[in-house]
């Protein structure tokens, strides 16, 4: 693996290394964009915790957001993250 690719993969893995963040990414991959309240509802997670994870991933360039009135909608910005997610899913399947 080239150094630049390894560095980018390590950055993404470090950023998404939390079960809630992995679940958020799966939701956004399937739904294109969701509001904070929709994500909270689907994950059955408190809004403060969800907002913390969303803000962190946005700050690191993984997600983008758009405000519409009182709602903030999030979507995937860094599409390469889903390649890594696919690899993780494949490893999980092979591990039992």
N, C-alpha and C. Protein backbone atom coordinates (compact mmCIF):
# COMPACT_ATOMS: atom_id res chain seq x y z
N UNK A 1 0.85 -1.18 0.00
CA UNK A 1 0.00 0.00 0.00
C UNK A 1 0.90 1.24 0.00
N UNK A 2 0.56 2.17 -0.84
CA UNK A 2 1.30 3.43 -0.90
C UNK A 2 1.12 4.21 0.40
N UNK A 3 2.14 4.97 0.75
CA UNK A 3 2.13 5.70 2.02
C UNK A 3 0.93 6.64 2.11
N UNK A 4 0.64 7.39 1.05
CA UNK A 4 -0.49 8.34 1.08
C UNK A 4 -1.81 7.63 1.32
N UNK A 5 -2.00 6.49 0.67
CA UNK A 5 -3.24 5.73 0.85
C UNK A 5 -3.32 5.16 2.26
N UNK A 6 -2.19 4.68 2.77
CA UNK A 6 -2.16 4.14 4.13
C UNK A 6 -2.46 5.23 5.15
N UNK A 7 -1.91 6.41 4.92
CA UNK A 7 -2.15 7.54 5.82
C UNK A 7 -3.62 7.95 5.82
N UNK A 8 -4.24 8.00 4.65
CA UNK A 8 -5.66 8.36 4.55
C UNK A 8 -6.53 7.30 5.21
N UNK A 9 -6.22 6.02 4.97
CA UNK A 9 -6.98 4.93 5.58
C UNK A 9 -6.87 4.99 7.10
N UNK A 10 -5.69 5.24 7.62
CA UNK A 10 -5.49 5.33 9.07
C UNK A 10 -6.28 6.50 9.66
N UNK A 11 -6.30 7.63 8.96
CA UNK A 11 -7.05 8.80 9.41
C UNK A 11 -8.54 8.48 9.48
N UNK A 12 -9.06 7.84 8.44
CA UNK A 12 -10.48 7.49 8.41
C UNK A 12 -10.80 6.49 9.51
N UNK A 13 -9.97 5.45 9.66
CA UNK A 13 -10.22 4.44 10.69
C UNK A 13 -10.22 5.06 12.08
N UNK A 14 -9.29 5.95 12.33
CA UNK A 14 -9.24 6.62 13.64
C UNK A 14 -10.50 7.45 13.87
N UNK A 15 -10.97 8.11 12.84
CA UNK A 15 -12.15 8.98 12.96
C UNK A 15 -13.43 8.18 13.19
N UNK A 16 -13.56 7.02 12.57
CA UNK A 16 -14.82 6.25 12.65
C UNK A 16 -14.79 5.16 13.71
N UNK A 17 -13.73 5.10 14.51
CA UNK A 17 -13.53 4.01 15.46
C UNK A 17 -14.44 4.10 16.69
N UNK A 18 -15.73 4.00 16.46
CA UNK A 18 -16.72 3.97 17.55
C UNK A 18 -17.98 3.32 16.98
N UNK A 19 -18.62 2.43 17.74
CA UNK A 19 -19.81 1.74 17.23
C UNK A 19 -20.92 2.68 16.75
N UNK A 20 -21.15 3.78 17.46
CA UNK A 20 -22.20 4.72 17.05
C UNK A 20 -21.83 5.36 15.71
N UNK A 21 -20.57 5.71 15.54
CA UNK A 21 -20.14 6.32 14.28
C UNK A 21 -20.27 5.34 13.11
N UNK A 22 -19.95 4.09 13.35
CA UNK A 22 -20.11 3.08 12.29
C UNK A 22 -21.57 2.95 11.89
N UNK A 23 -22.46 2.95 12.88
CA UNK A 23 -23.89 2.84 12.59
C UNK A 23 -24.41 4.08 11.86
N UNK A 24 -23.91 5.26 12.23
CA UNK A 24 -24.30 6.50 11.54
C UNK A 24 -23.90 6.41 10.07
N UNK A 25 -22.69 5.96 9.81
CA UNK A 25 -22.21 5.85 8.43
C UNK A 25 -23.05 4.88 7.62
N UNK A 26 -23.43 3.75 8.22
CA UNK A 26 -24.31 2.80 7.52
C UNK A 26 -25.64 3.44 7.17
N UNK A 27 -26.21 4.17 8.12
CA UNK A 27 -27.49 4.86 7.88
C UNK A 27 -27.37 5.86 6.73
N UNK A 28 -26.32 6.68 6.76
CA UNK A 28 -26.17 7.70 5.73
C UNK A 28 -25.85 7.09 4.37
N UNK A 29 -25.18 5.96 4.35
CA UNK A 29 -24.91 5.29 3.08
C UNK A 29 -26.21 4.78 2.45
N UNK A 30 -27.12 4.30 3.28
CA UNK A 30 -28.40 3.77 2.78
C UNK A 30 -29.42 4.86 2.49
N UNK A 31 -29.32 6.00 3.17
CA UNK A 31 -30.36 7.02 3.09
C UNK A 31 -29.92 8.34 2.45
N UNK A 32 -28.69 8.44 2.04
CA UNK A 32 -28.15 9.63 1.38
C UNK A 32 -27.99 10.81 2.33
N UNK A 33 -29.05 11.25 2.98
CA UNK A 33 -28.95 12.33 3.97
C UNK A 33 -30.08 12.19 4.97
N UNK A 34 -29.76 12.52 6.20
CA UNK A 34 -30.74 12.43 7.28
C UNK A 34 -30.54 13.59 8.24
N UNK A 35 -31.63 13.97 8.92
CA UNK A 35 -31.53 15.00 9.95
C UNK A 35 -31.01 14.37 11.23
N UNK A 36 -30.55 15.21 12.14
CA UNK A 36 -30.06 14.72 13.43
C UNK A 36 -31.15 13.94 14.14
N UNK A 37 -32.37 14.45 14.14
CA UNK A 37 -33.46 13.76 14.83
C UNK A 37 -33.79 12.42 14.19
N UNK A 38 -33.71 12.33 12.86
CA UNK A 38 -33.93 11.04 12.19
C UNK A 38 -32.85 10.03 12.57
N UNK A 39 -31.62 10.49 12.63
CA UNK A 39 -30.51 9.60 13.01
C UNK A 39 -30.70 9.13 14.45
N UNK A 40 -31.04 10.04 15.35
CA UNK A 40 -31.27 9.68 16.76
C UNK A 40 -32.37 8.63 16.88
N UNK A 41 -33.45 8.86 16.17
CA UNK A 41 -34.60 7.95 16.23
C UNK A 41 -34.22 6.55 15.73
N UNK A 42 -33.53 6.48 14.61
CA UNK A 42 -33.17 5.19 14.03
C UNK A 42 -32.12 4.45 14.85
N UNK A 43 -31.25 5.18 15.53
CA UNK A 43 -30.22 4.55 16.36
C UNK A 43 -30.68 4.34 17.80
N UNK A 44 -31.81 4.94 18.15
CA UNK A 44 -32.30 4.92 19.53
C UNK A 44 -31.20 5.44 20.46
N UNK A 45 -30.70 6.62 20.13
CA UNK A 45 -29.55 7.22 20.80
C UNK A 45 -29.90 8.65 21.21
N UNK A 46 -29.35 9.11 22.32
CA UNK A 46 -29.60 10.49 22.76
C UNK A 46 -29.06 11.50 21.76
N UNK A 47 -29.77 12.62 21.63
CA UNK A 47 -29.38 13.63 20.66
C UNK A 47 -28.02 14.24 20.96
N UNK A 48 -27.69 14.44 22.23
CA UNK A 48 -26.40 15.04 22.56
C UNK A 48 -25.24 14.14 22.13
N UNK A 49 -25.37 12.84 22.35
CA UNK A 49 -24.33 11.89 21.95
C UNK A 49 -24.23 11.81 20.43
N UNK A 50 -25.37 11.73 19.77
CA UNK A 50 -25.39 11.66 18.31
C UNK A 50 -24.79 12.92 17.71
N UNK A 51 -25.18 14.08 18.22
CA UNK A 51 -24.64 15.35 17.71
C UNK A 51 -23.13 15.44 17.90
N UNK A 52 -22.64 14.93 19.01
CA UNK A 52 -21.19 14.91 19.26
C UNK A 52 -20.47 14.12 18.18
N UNK A 53 -20.96 12.93 17.88
CA UNK A 53 -20.33 12.08 16.86
C UNK A 53 -20.45 12.70 15.47
N UNK A 54 -21.60 13.26 15.15
CA UNK A 54 -21.79 13.90 13.85
C UNK A 54 -20.84 15.09 13.68
N UNK A 55 -20.76 15.92 14.71
CA UNK A 55 -19.87 17.09 14.64
C UNK A 55 -18.42 16.69 14.46
N UNK A 56 -18.00 15.65 15.17
CA UNK A 56 -16.63 15.19 15.07
C UNK A 56 -16.31 14.69 13.66
N UNK A 57 -17.21 13.90 13.09
CA UNK A 57 -16.98 13.37 11.74
C UNK A 57 -17.05 14.48 10.70
N UNK A 58 -17.87 15.50 10.94
CA UNK A 58 -17.91 16.65 10.02
C UNK A 58 -16.61 17.44 10.10
N UNK A 59 -16.14 17.68 11.31
CA UNK A 59 -14.89 18.41 11.51
C UNK A 59 -13.71 17.71 10.82
N UNK A 60 -13.73 16.38 10.80
CA UNK A 60 -12.65 15.61 10.19
C UNK A 60 -12.84 15.41 8.69
N UNK A 61 -13.95 15.93 8.13
CA UNK A 61 -14.16 15.87 6.68
C UNK A 61 -14.84 14.61 6.18
N UNK A 62 -15.38 13.80 7.09
CA UNK A 62 -16.06 12.57 6.69
C UNK A 62 -17.50 12.87 6.27
N UNK A 63 -18.14 13.79 6.98
CA UNK A 63 -19.53 14.16 6.70
C UNK A 63 -19.63 15.63 6.29
N UNK A 64 -20.74 15.95 5.64
CA UNK A 64 -21.08 17.35 5.39
C UNK A 64 -22.46 17.59 5.97
N UNK A 65 -22.79 18.85 6.21
CA UNK A 65 -24.10 19.16 6.78
C UNK A 65 -24.70 20.35 6.06
N UNK A 66 -26.03 20.41 6.15
CA UNK A 66 -26.77 21.52 5.55
C UNK A 66 -27.92 21.86 6.47
N UNK A 67 -28.02 23.13 6.83
CA UNK A 67 -29.12 23.58 7.70
C UNK A 67 -30.31 23.96 6.84
N UNK A 68 -31.47 23.46 7.25
CA UNK A 68 -32.74 23.83 6.62
C UNK A 68 -33.70 24.18 7.74
N UNK A 69 -33.89 25.46 7.95
CA UNK A 69 -34.73 25.90 9.07
C UNK A 69 -34.08 25.51 10.38
N UNK A 70 -34.83 24.79 11.21
CA UNK A 70 -34.31 24.35 12.50
C UNK A 70 -33.56 23.02 12.41
N UNK A 71 -33.62 22.37 11.26
CA UNK A 71 -33.01 21.04 11.11
C UNK A 71 -31.65 21.11 10.45
N UNK A 72 -30.77 20.22 10.87
CA UNK A 72 -29.47 20.04 10.22
C UNK A 72 -29.46 18.65 9.61
N UNK A 73 -29.18 18.59 8.33
CA UNK A 73 -29.12 17.33 7.61
C UNK A 73 -27.66 16.97 7.34
N UNK A 74 -27.33 15.70 7.58
CA UNK A 74 -25.97 15.22 7.36
C UNK A 74 -25.95 14.24 6.20
N UNK A 75 -24.82 14.23 5.49
CA UNK A 75 -24.60 13.28 4.39
C UNK A 75 -23.11 12.94 4.35
N UNK A 76 -22.79 11.87 3.61
CA UNK A 76 -21.39 11.47 3.46
C UNK A 76 -20.67 12.45 2.55
N UNK A 77 -19.53 12.92 2.98
CA UNK A 77 -18.69 13.78 2.15
C UNK A 77 -17.52 12.97 1.59
N UNK A 78 -16.92 12.17 2.44
CA UNK A 78 -15.76 11.36 2.06
C UNK A 78 -16.26 9.96 1.69
N UNK A 79 -16.48 9.74 0.41
CA UNK A 79 -17.05 8.48 -0.06
C UNK A 79 -16.11 7.30 0.16
N UNK A 80 -14.79 7.55 0.27
CA UNK A 80 -13.82 6.47 0.49
C UNK A 80 -14.09 5.73 1.80
N UNK A 81 -14.77 6.39 2.72
CA UNK A 81 -15.07 5.74 3.99
C UNK A 81 -15.92 4.48 3.77
N UNK A 82 -16.75 4.46 2.75
CA UNK A 82 -17.59 3.29 2.51
C UNK A 82 -16.78 2.12 1.95
N UNK A 83 -15.67 2.39 1.27
CA UNK A 83 -14.78 1.31 0.85
C UNK A 83 -14.19 0.62 2.07
N UNK A 84 -13.80 1.41 3.05
CA UNK A 84 -13.25 0.86 4.29
C UNK A 84 -14.34 0.10 5.04
N UNK A 85 -15.55 0.65 5.06
CA UNK A 85 -16.67 -0.03 5.72
C UNK A 85 -16.95 -1.39 5.07
N UNK A 86 -16.86 -1.45 3.75
CA UNK A 86 -17.07 -2.71 3.03
C UNK A 86 -16.02 -3.73 3.43
N UNK A 87 -14.78 -3.29 3.54
CA UNK A 87 -13.70 -4.19 3.97
C UNK A 87 -13.96 -4.71 5.39
N UNK A 88 -14.39 -3.82 6.28
CA UNK A 88 -14.69 -4.23 7.65
C UNK A 88 -15.83 -5.24 7.69
N UNK A 89 -16.85 -5.00 6.88
CA UNK A 89 -17.98 -5.93 6.82
C UNK A 89 -17.54 -7.29 6.31
N UNK A 90 -16.70 -7.31 5.30
CA UNK A 90 -16.20 -8.57 4.75
C UNK A 90 -15.37 -9.32 5.79
N UNK A 91 -14.54 -8.60 6.53
CA UNK A 91 -13.74 -9.23 7.59
C UNK A 91 -14.65 -9.82 8.67
N UNK A 92 -15.69 -9.08 9.02
CA UNK A 92 -16.63 -9.54 10.04
C UNK A 92 -17.30 -10.83 9.61
N UNK A 93 -17.66 -10.92 8.33
CA UNK A 93 -18.31 -12.12 7.81
C UNK A 93 -17.35 -13.31 7.83
N UNK A 94 -16.10 -13.08 7.55
CA UNK A 94 -15.11 -14.15 7.52
C UNK A 94 -14.68 -14.60 8.91
N UNK A 95 -14.94 -13.77 9.91
CA UNK A 95 -14.52 -14.10 11.27
C UNK A 95 -15.57 -14.92 12.01
N UNK A 96 -16.72 -15.08 11.43
CA UNK A 96 -17.71 -15.93 12.08
C UNK A 96 -18.92 -15.19 12.43
